[in-house]
Amino acid sequence: MWAEIKVARNIWVAEAWREVFENQGIPCKIWPMDSKSHGVALTTYQVLVPNDRLHVADLVISHTF
């Protein structure tokens, strides 16, 4: 199962978060909040990580800023 770790305001922010997590070895997916907007740049996206890596992703976020 996948858990939402962040909500990004557009695809560029979502892709940046995906890169941060994947660079730390955490698998990551991004999905539009509106299922009809897949691939649309200016829509809100969920940033998802596996449930068993959620705590590690939280640590990455806390050390990113």
PDB file of N, CA and C in Angstrom:
ATOM      1  N   MET A   1       0.842  -1.185   0.000  1.00  0.00           N
ATOM      2  CA  MET A   1       0.000   0.000   0.000  1.00  0.00           C
ATOM      3  C   MET A   1       0.887   1.249   0.000  1.00  0.00           C
ATOM      4  N   TRP A   2       0.306   2.291  -0.563  1.00  0.00           N
ATOM      5  CA  TRP A   2       1.013   3.563  -0.665  1.00  0.00           C
ATOM      6  C   TRP A   2       0.323   4.595   0.222  1.00  0.00           C
ATOM      7  N   ALA A   3       1.116   5.496   0.800  1.00  0.00           N
ATOM      8  CA  ALA A   3       0.598   6.525   1.686  1.00  0.00           C
ATOM      9  C   ALA A   3       0.986   7.906   1.153  1.00  0.00           C
ATOM     10  N   GLU A   4       0.082   8.854   1.304  1.00  0.00           N
ATOM     11  CA  GLU A   4       0.373  10.230   0.897  1.00  0.00           C
ATOM     12  C   GLU A   4       1.329  10.858   1.897  1.00  0.00           C
ATOM     13  N   ILE A   5       2.410  11.409   1.388  1.00  0.00           N
ATOM     14  CA  ILE A   5       3.392  12.080   2.231  1.00  0.00           C
ATOM     15  C   ILE A   5       3.368  13.591   2.020  1.00  0.00           C
ATOM     16  N   LYS A   6       3.028  14.015   0.818  1.00  0.00           N
ATOM     17  CA  LYS A   6       2.963  15.444   0.482  1.00  0.00           C
ATOM     18  C   LYS A   6       1.840  15.665  -0.528  1.00  0.00           C
ATOM     19  N   VAL A   7       1.384  16.903  -0.596  1.00  0.00           N
ATOM     20  CA  VAL A   7       0.499  17.357  -1.668  1.00  0.00           C
ATOM     21  C   VAL A   7       1.247  18.491  -2.364  1.00  0.00           C
ATOM     22  N   ALA A   8       1.428  18.342  -3.668  1.00  0.00           N
ATOM     23  CA  ALA A   8       2.175  19.332  -4.448  1.00  0.00           C
ATOM     24  C   ALA A   8       1.215  20.136  -5.311  1.00  0.00           C
ATOM     25  N   ARG A   9       1.480  21.422  -5.448  1.00  0.00           N
ATOM     26  CA  ARG A   9       0.556  22.306  -6.164  1.00  0.00           C
ATOM     27  C   ARG A   9       0.594  22.141  -7.685  1.00  0.00           C
ATOM     28  N   ASN A  10       1.654  21.481  -8.192  1.00  0.00           N
ATOM     29  CA  ASN A  10       1.739  21.228  -9.638  1.00  0.00           C
ATOM     30  C   ASN A  10       2.699  20.070  -9.895  1.00  0.00           C
ATOM     31  N   ILE A  11       2.796  19.668 -11.135  1.00  0.00           N
ATOM     32  CA  ILE A  11       3.617  18.500 -11.463  1.00  0.00           C
ATOM     33  C   ILE A  11       5.106  18.746 -11.224  1.00  0.00           C
ATOM     34  N   TRP A  12       5.558  19.972 -11.372  1.00  0.00           N
ATOM     35  CA  TRP A  12       6.982  20.263 -11.197  1.00  0.00           C
ATOM     36  C   TRP A  12       7.395  20.108  -9.739  1.00  0.00           C
ATOM     37  N   VAL A  13       6.555  20.563  -8.830  1.00  0.00           N
ATOM     38  CA  VAL A  13       6.840  20.391  -7.406  1.00  0.00           C
ATOM     39  C   VAL A  13       6.761  18.907  -7.038  1.00  0.00           C
ATOM     40  N   ALA A  14       5.768  18.208  -7.566  1.00  0.00           N
ATOM     41  CA  ALA A  14       5.630  16.772  -7.307  1.00  0.00           C
ATOM     42  C   ALA A  14       6.859  16.010  -7.808  1.00  0.00           C
ATOM     43  N   GLU A  15       7.323  16.344  -8.996  1.00  0.00           N
ATOM     44  CA  GLU A  15       8.515  15.688  -9.551  1.00  0.00           C
ATOM     45  C   GLU A  15       9.751  15.984  -8.704  1.00  0.00           C
ATOM     46  N   ALA A  16       9.845  17.197  -8.179  1.00  0.00           N
ATOM     47  CA  ALA A  16      10.985  17.545  -7.321  1.00  0.00           C
ATOM     48  C   ALA A  16      10.975  16.698  -6.049  1.00  0.00           C
ATOM     49  N   TRP A  17       9.794  16.536  -5.439  1.00  0.00           N
ATOM     50  CA  TRP A  17       9.694  15.689  -4.249  1.00  0.00           C
ATOM     51  C   TRP A  17      10.012  14.244  -4.582  1.00  0.00           C
ATOM     52  N   ARG A  18       9.530  13.762  -5.717  1.00  0.00           N
ATOM     53  CA  ARG A  18       9.836  12.382  -6.114  1.00  0.00           C
ATOM     54  C   ARG A  18      11.346  12.199  -6.235  1.00  0.00           C
ATOM     55  N   GLU A  19      12.012  13.154  -6.825  1.00  0.00           N
ATOM     56  CA  GLU A  19      13.462  13.072  -6.963  1.00  0.00           C
ATOM     57  C   GLU A  19      14.155  13.046  -5.597  1.00  0.00           C
ATOM     58  N   VAL A  20      13.694  13.879  -4.678  1.00  0.00           N
ATOM     59  CA  VAL A  20      14.271  13.898  -3.326  1.00  0.00           C
ATOM     60  C   VAL A  20      14.144  12.518  -2.682  1.00  0.00           C
ATOM     61  N   PHE A  21      12.942  11.959  -2.708  1.00  0.00           N
ATOM     62  CA  PHE A  21      12.730  10.658  -2.076  1.00  0.00           C
ATOM     63  C   PHE A  21      13.497   9.547  -2.780  1.00  0.00           C
ATOM     64  N   GLU A  22      13.449   9.508  -4.094  1.00  0.00           N
ATOM     65  CA  GLU A  22      14.142   8.447  -4.818  1.00  0.00           C
ATOM     66  C   GLU A  22      15.655   8.533  -4.660  1.00  0.00           C
ATOM     67  N   ASN A  23      16.193   9.740  -4.527  1.00  0.00           N
ATOM     68  CA  ASN A  23      17.628   9.888  -4.270  1.00  0.00           C
ATOM     69  C   ASN A  23      18.023   9.327  -2.912  1.00  0.00           C
ATOM     70  N   GLN A  24      17.057   9.196  -2.011  1.00  0.00           N
ATOM     71  CA  GLN A  24      17.304   8.611  -0.695  1.00  0.00           C
ATOM     72  C   GLN A  24      16.916   7.134  -0.651  1.00  0.00           C
ATOM     73  N   GLY A  25      16.603   6.555  -1.806  1.00  0.00           N
ATOM     74  CA  GLY A  25      16.278   5.143  -1.889  1.00  0.00           C
ATOM     75  C   GLY A  25      14.844   4.803  -1.522  1.00  0.00           C
ATOM     76  N   ILE A  26      13.963   5.799  -1.514  1.00  0.00           N
ATOM     77  CA  ILE A  26      12.559   5.595  -1.173  1.00  0.00           C
ATOM     78  C   ILE A  26      11.746   5.597  -2.465  1.00  0.00           C
ATOM     79  N   PRO A  27      11.071   4.495  -2.777  1.00  0.00           N
ATOM     80  CA  PRO A  27      10.212   4.488  -3.961  1.00  0.00           C
ATOM     81  C   PRO A  27       9.120   5.555  -3.822  1.00  0.00           C
ATOM     82  N   CYS A  28       8.721   6.123  -4.929  1.00  0.00           N
ATOM     83  CA  CYS A  28       7.763   7.223  -4.875  1.00  0.00           C
ATOM     84  C   CYS A  28       6.910   7.226  -6.133  1.00  0.00           C
ATOM     85  N   LYS A  29       5.639   7.563  -5.957  1.00  0.00           N
ATOM     86  CA  LYS A  29       4.711   7.749  -7.070  1.00  0.00           C
ATOM     87  C   LYS A  29       4.055   9.113  -6.920  1.00  0.00           C
ATOM     88  N   ILE A  30       3.652   9.681  -8.045  1.00  0.00           N
ATOM     89  CA  ILE A  30       2.847  10.901  -7.992  1.00  0.00           C
ATOM     90  C   ILE A  30       1.552  10.660  -8.760  1.00  0.00           C
ATOM     91  N   TRP A  31       0.448  11.127  -8.201  1.00  0.00           N
ATOM     92  CA  TRP A  31      -0.867  10.969  -8.806  1.00  0.00           C
ATOM     93  C   TRP A  31      -1.625  12.275  -8.691  1.00  0.00           C
ATOM     94  N   PRO A  32      -2.337  12.668  -9.728  1.00  0.00           N
ATOM     95  CA  PRO A  32      -3.151  13.886  -9.636  1.00  0.00           C
ATOM     96  C   PRO A  32      -4.294  13.676  -8.647  1.00  0.00           C
ATOM     97  N   MET A  33      -4.655  14.734  -7.955  1.00  0.00           N
ATOM     98  CA  MET A  33      -5.767  14.659  -7.008  1.00  0.00           C
ATOM     99  C   MET A  33      -7.081  14.424  -7.750  1.00  0.00           C
ATOM    100  N   ASP A  34      -7.178  14.964  -8.948  1.00  0.00           N
ATOM    101  CA  ASP A  34      -8.344  14.756  -9.805  1.00  0.00           C
ATOM    102  C   ASP A  34      -7.969  13.710 -10.840  1.00  0.00           C
ATOM    103  N   SER A  35      -8.607  12.566 -10.810  1.00  0.00           N
ATOM    104  CA  SER A  35      -8.218  11.463 -11.687  1.00  0.00           C
ATOM    105  C   SER A  35      -8.316  11.805 -13.170  1.00  0.00           C
ATOM    106  N   LYS A  36      -9.078  12.817 -13.529  1.00  0.00           N
ATOM    107  CA  LYS A  36      -9.214  13.222 -14.929  1.00  0.00           C
ATOM    108  C   LYS A  36      -8.053  14.107 -15.381  1.00  0.00           C
ATOM    109  N   SER A  37      -7.199  14.492 -14.459  1.00  0.00           N
ATOM    110  CA  SER A  37      -6.131  15.447 -14.763  1.00  0.00           C
ATOM    111  C   SER A  37      -4.761  14.804 -14.876  1.00  0.00           C
ATOM    112  N   HIS A  38      -4.681  13.496 -15.076  1.00  0.00           N
ATOM    113  CA  HIS A  38      -3.382  12.832 -15.167  1.00  0.00           C
ATOM    114  C   HIS A  38      -2.564  13.434 -16.315  1.00  0.00           C
ATOM    115  N   GLY A  39      -1.364  13.894 -15.993  1.00  0.00           N
ATOM    116  CA  GLY A  39      -0.488  14.489 -16.985  1.00  0.00           C
ATOM    117  C   GLY A  39      -0.669  15.980 -17.161  1.00  0.00           C
ATOM    118  N   VAL A  40      -1.664  16.562 -16.492  1.00  0.00           N
ATOM    119  CA  VAL A  40      -1.891  18.008 -16.560  1.00  0.00           C
ATOM    120  C   VAL A  40      -0.929  18.675 -15.579  1.00  0.00           C
ATOM    121  N   ALA A  41      -0.164  19.637 -16.053  1.00  0.00           N
ATOM    122  CA  ALA A  41       0.877  20.245 -15.234  1.00  0.00           C
ATOM    123  C   ALA A  41       0.323  21.073 -14.081  1.00  0.00           C
ATOM    124  N   LEU A  42      -0.696  21.868 -14.351  1.00  0.00           N
ATOM    125  CA  LEU A  42      -1.182  22.795 -13.336  1.00  0.00           C
ATOM    126  C   LEU A  42      -2.393  22.243 -12.591  1.00  0.00           C
ATOM    127  N   THR A  43      -2.180  21.123 -11.940  1.00  0.00           N
ATOM    128  CA  THR A  43      -3.188  20.541 -11.066  1.00  0.00           C
ATOM    129  C   THR A  43      -2.471  20.035  -9.822  1.00  0.00           C
ATOM    130  N   THR A  44      -3.198  19.785  -8.775  1.00  0.00           N
ATOM    131  CA  THR A  44      -2.610  19.327  -7.524  1.00  0.00           C
ATOM    132  C   THR A  44      -2.306  17.833  -7.603  1.00  0.00           C
ATOM    133  N   TYR A  45      -1.127  17.455  -7.108  1.00  0.00           N
ATOM    134  CA  TYR A  45      -0.679  16.064  -7.142  1.00  0.00           C
ATOM    135  C   TYR A  45      -0.408  15.539  -5.736  1.00  0.00           C
ATOM    136  N   GLN A  46      -0.725  14.267  -5.535  1.00  0.00           N
ATOM    137  CA  GLN A  46      -0.333  13.565  -4.320  1.00  0.00           C
ATOM    138  C   GLN A  46       1.056  12.975  -4.548  1.00  0.00           C
ATOM    139  N   VAL A  47       1.887  13.066  -3.531  1.00  0.00           N
ATOM    140  CA  VAL A  47       3.183  12.406  -3.551  1.00  0.00           C
ATOM    141  C   VAL A  47       3.050  11.220  -2.597  1.00  0.00           C
ATOM    142  N   LEU A  48       3.258  10.024  -3.124  1.00  0.00           N
ATOM    143  CA  LEU A  48       3.008   8.795  -2.377  1.00  0.00           C
ATOM    144  C   LEU A  48       4.290   7.993  -2.183  1.00  0.00           C
ATOM    145  N   VAL A  49       4.409   7.409  -0.993  1.00  0.00           N
ATOM    146  CA  VAL A  49       5.510   6.498  -0.692  1.00  0.00           C
ATOM    147  C   VAL A  49       4.919   5.229  -0.091  1.00  0.00           C
ATOM    148  N   PRO A  50       5.648   4.119  -0.132  1.00  0.00           N
ATOM    149  CA  PRO A  50       5.137   2.893   0.479  1.00  0.00           C
ATOM    150  C   PRO A  50       4.907   3.081   1.985  1.00  0.00           C
ATOM    151  N   ASN A  51       3.867   2.453   2.497  1.00  0.00           N
ATOM    152  CA  ASN A  51       3.551   2.565   3.925  1.00  0.00           C
ATOM    153  C   ASN A  51       4.749   2.242   4.810  1.00  0.00           C
ATOM    154  N   ASP A  52       5.495   1.221   4.443  1.00  0.00           N
ATOM    155  CA  ASP A  52       6.613   0.814   5.288  1.00  0.00           C
ATOM    156  C   ASP A  52       7.821   1.737   5.191  1.00  0.00           C
ATOM    157  N   ARG A  53       7.757   2.735   4.334  1.00  0.00           N
ATOM    158  CA  ARG A  53       8.855   3.719   4.215  1.00  0.00           C
ATOM    159  C   ARG A  53       8.413   5.118   4.644  1.00  0.00           C
ATOM    160  N   LEU A  54       7.183   5.226   5.133  1.00  0.00           N
ATOM    161  CA  LEU A  54       6.619   6.528   5.506  1.00  0.00           C
ATOM    162  C   LEU A  54       7.459   7.221   6.577  1.00  0.00           C
ATOM    163  N   HIS A  55       7.884   6.496   7.583  1.00  0.00           N
ATOM    164  CA  HIS A  55       8.676   7.100   8.653  1.00  0.00           C
ATOM    165  C   HIS A  55      10.015   7.615   8.133  1.00  0.00           C
ATOM    166  N   VAL A  56      10.612   6.906   7.198  1.00  0.00           N
ATOM    167  CA  VAL A  56      11.882   7.349   6.607  1.00  0.00           C
ATOM    168  C   VAL A  56      11.651   8.603   5.761  1.00  0.00           C
ATOM    169  N   ALA A  57      10.561   8.619   5.004  1.00  0.00           N
ATOM    170  CA  ALA A  57      10.232   9.788   4.186  1.00  0.00           C
ATOM    171  C   ALA A  57       9.983  11.014   5.064  1.00  0.00           C
ATOM    172  N   ASP A  58       9.342  10.819   6.216  1.00  0.00           N
ATOM    173  CA  ASP A  58       9.149  11.928   7.163  1.00  0.00           C
ATOM    174  C   ASP A  58      10.492  12.486   7.631  1.00  0.00           C
ATOM    175  N   LEU A  59      11.437  11.598   7.882  1.00  0.00           N
ATOM    176  CA  LEU A  59      12.775  12.050   8.289  1.00  0.00           C
ATOM    177  C   LEU A  59      13.457  12.833   7.176  1.00  0.00           C
ATOM    178  N   VAL A  60      13.286  12.386   5.939  1.00  0.00           N
ATOM    179  CA  VAL A  60      13.865  13.103   4.794  1.00  0.00           C
ATOM    180  C   VAL A  60      13.281  14.506   4.726  1.00  0.00           C
ATOM    181  N   ILE A  61      11.961  14.621   4.889  1.00  0.00           N
ATOM    182  CA  ILE A  61      11.322  15.943   4.847  1.00  0.00           C
ATOM    183  C   ILE A  61      11.855  16.826   5.964  1.00  0.00           C
ATOM    184  N   SER A  62      11.972  16.291   7.160  1.00  0.00           N
ATOM    185  CA  SER A  62      12.415  17.108   8.290  1.00  0.00           C
ATOM    186  C   SER A  62      13.855  17.579   8.127  1.00  0.00           C
ATOM    187  N   HIS A  63      14.665  16.850   7.359  1.00  0.00           N
ATOM    188  CA  HIS A  63      16.049  17.250   7.142  1.00  0.00           C
ATOM    189  C   HIS A  63      16.255  18.013   5.835  1.00  0.00           C
ATOM    190  N   THR A  64      15.204  18.132   5.029  1.00  0.00           N
ATOM    191  CA  THR A  64      15.309  18.862   3.766  1.00  0.00           C
ATOM    192  C   THR A  64      15.194  20.358   3.986  1.00  0.00           C
ATOM    193  N   PHE A  65      14.417  20.749   4.983  1.00  0.00           N
ATOM    194  CA  PHE A  65      14.205  22.194   5.219  1.00  0.00           C
ATOM    195  C   PHE A  65      14.734  22.618   6.537  1.00  0.00           C
TER     196      PHE A  65
END
